Protein backbone atom coordinates (compact mmCIF):
# COMPACT_ATOMS: atom_id res chain seq x y z
CA UNK A 1 -44.07 93.54 11.95
CA UNK A 2 -42.04 94.26 8.81
CA UNK A 3 -43.63 95.25 5.50
CA UNK A 4 -43.15 91.82 3.94
CA UNK A 5 -44.91 90.06 6.84
CA UNK A 6 -47.67 92.65 6.91
CA UNK A 7 -48.39 92.09 3.21
CA UNK A 8 -47.87 88.34 3.14
CA UNK A 9 -51.57 87.53 3.07
CA UNK A 10 -52.44 90.01 0.34
CA UNK A 11 -51.07 87.88 -2.50
CA UNK A 12 -48.86 90.76 -3.62
CA UNK A 13 -45.13 90.99 -3.25
CA UNK A 14 -43.93 94.42 -2.07
CA UNK A 15 -41.19 96.20 -3.98
CA UNK A 16 -37.74 95.77 -2.45
CA UNK A 17 -36.63 98.60 -0.21
CA UNK A 18 -33.10 99.67 -1.16
CA UNK A 19 -32.48 103.12 0.36
CA UNK A 20 -28.75 103.33 -0.38
CA UNK A 21 -29.03 102.22 -3.99
CA UNK A 22 -32.40 103.57 -5.09
CA UNK A 23 -35.03 101.25 -6.52
CA UNK A 24 -35.77 99.02 -9.49
CA UNK A 25 -38.55 99.36 -12.06
CA UNK A 26 -39.45 97.90 -15.46
CA UNK A 27 -37.49 99.12 -18.46
CA UNK A 28 -39.34 101.72 -20.56
CA UNK A 29 -38.68 102.80 -24.14
CA UNK A 30 -37.53 106.23 -22.98
CA UNK A 31 -34.76 104.54 -20.93
CA UNK A 32 -33.07 102.88 -23.91
CA UNK A 33 -30.60 105.58 -24.96
CA UNK A 34 -29.35 106.04 -21.38
CA UNK A 35 -29.14 102.27 -20.83
CA UNK A 36 -27.27 101.90 -24.13
CA UNK A 37 -24.81 104.64 -23.14
CA UNK A 38 -24.20 102.99 -19.75
CA UNK A 39 -23.70 99.62 -21.44
CA UNK A 40 -21.21 100.97 -23.96
CA UNK A 41 -19.12 102.85 -21.39
CA UNK A 42 -19.11 100.11 -18.74
CA UNK A 43 -18.97 96.91 -20.75
CA UNK A 44 -17.66 97.74 -24.21
CA UNK A 45 -15.21 100.59 -23.52
CA UNK A 46 -16.48 102.44 -26.55
CA UNK A 47 -16.64 106.14 -26.94
CA UNK A 48 -20.15 107.49 -26.81
CA UNK A 49 -20.58 108.16 -30.49
CA UNK A 50 -24.16 109.05 -31.33
CA UNK A 51 -24.48 106.25 -33.88
CA UNK A 52 -23.14 103.65 -31.43
CA UNK A 53 -25.66 104.70 -28.77
CA UNK A 54 -28.50 104.75 -31.31
CA UNK A 55 -27.59 101.32 -32.73
CA UNK A 56 -27.26 99.79 -29.27
CA UNK A 57 -30.55 101.36 -28.12
CA UNK A 58 -32.29 99.97 -31.22
CA UNK A 59 -30.87 96.51 -30.55
CA UNK A 60 -31.99 96.71 -26.90
CA UNK A 61 -35.49 97.80 -27.99
CA UNK A 62 -35.76 94.70 -30.21
CA UNK A 63 -34.32 92.44 -27.53
CA UNK A 64 -36.23 93.71 -24.50
CA UNK A 65 -39.36 95.58 -25.60
CA UNK A 66 -40.56 94.30 -28.97
CA UNK A 67 -42.64 91.20 -29.40
CA UNK A 68 -43.38 89.88 -25.98
CA UNK A 69 -43.51 90.28 -22.26
CA UNK A 70 -41.00 92.77 -20.88
CA UNK A 71 -39.15 91.40 -17.85
CA UNK A 72 -36.19 93.78 -18.14
CA UNK A 73 -35.54 96.05 -15.15
CA UNK A 74 -33.59 99.26 -14.63
CA UNK A 75 -32.08 100.58 -11.42
CA UNK A 76 -33.09 104.07 -10.34
CA UNK A 77 -30.55 105.81 -8.12
CA UNK A 78 -31.60 107.85 -5.06
CA UNK A 79 -31.49 111.02 -7.19
CA UNK A 80 -34.05 109.56 -9.61
CA UNK A 81 -31.72 108.86 -12.54
CA UNK A 82 -30.82 105.56 -14.12
CA UNK A 83 -28.04 103.90 -12.19
């Protein structure tokens, strides 16, 4: 029996098992600068200037963490870093 079937009656959904790509967890405030840096380099093609990272992290804090339920997720690679 797989882990999903084994836990089906418990009312809880098990975390997805993704061995090649790491795992996923809720976004935390301490993740914001790294997430901002990834965003800027992958989607905006900006150089990683300190003020750009700080401004983007502040925007992401307001968007994802301030004033409500946090449903944002981050991917954790197999080495334990943000992916």
